[in-house]
Amino acid sequence: QVQLVESGGGLVQAGDSLRLSCAASRRTFSSNAMGWFRQAPGKEREFVAAISWSGVTTAYRDSLKDRFTVSRDNAENTLYLQMNSLKPEDTAVYYCAVSTSYNGNNAYTGGDRYDYWGRGTQVTVSS
């Protein structure tokens, strides 16, 4: 069983930065693709960013790629999401997820490619 725990969320002002972390519970993290998703109140969950096991391949939601950066530290079993120039519309619960059933060399944008999910961390951006 894989456990994912997100951290780093909080209340910030527009224009600020945050770095989210996702700690995974086991070493096989290093061979799996990972992703970040978010869900705002009253809205469906949406893709944010994804990264292959090696970190070589990444994918971003088009509207976020200039402000968000996904990275990982396989030695520490940790996934990161650096978020800069935050906007009120970035307010959401952010979830990390791991894909154990598909090729770890890709960065998957679809939520159906991910098998395990964290409980999320709240990010609130005030105007």
Foldseek 3Di string as FASTA:
>chain_A
DKAKAKDFADEEAQQAKIKMKIAIDDLCLLQWKKFKWWDDPPGDIFGAKIAFSVRPEMDGDVVQVVFWDWDDDSVRRMIMIIGGRDDQVVWTWMKMFIADPDGRHYTDGDPVRTDDMYPTDTHGYHD
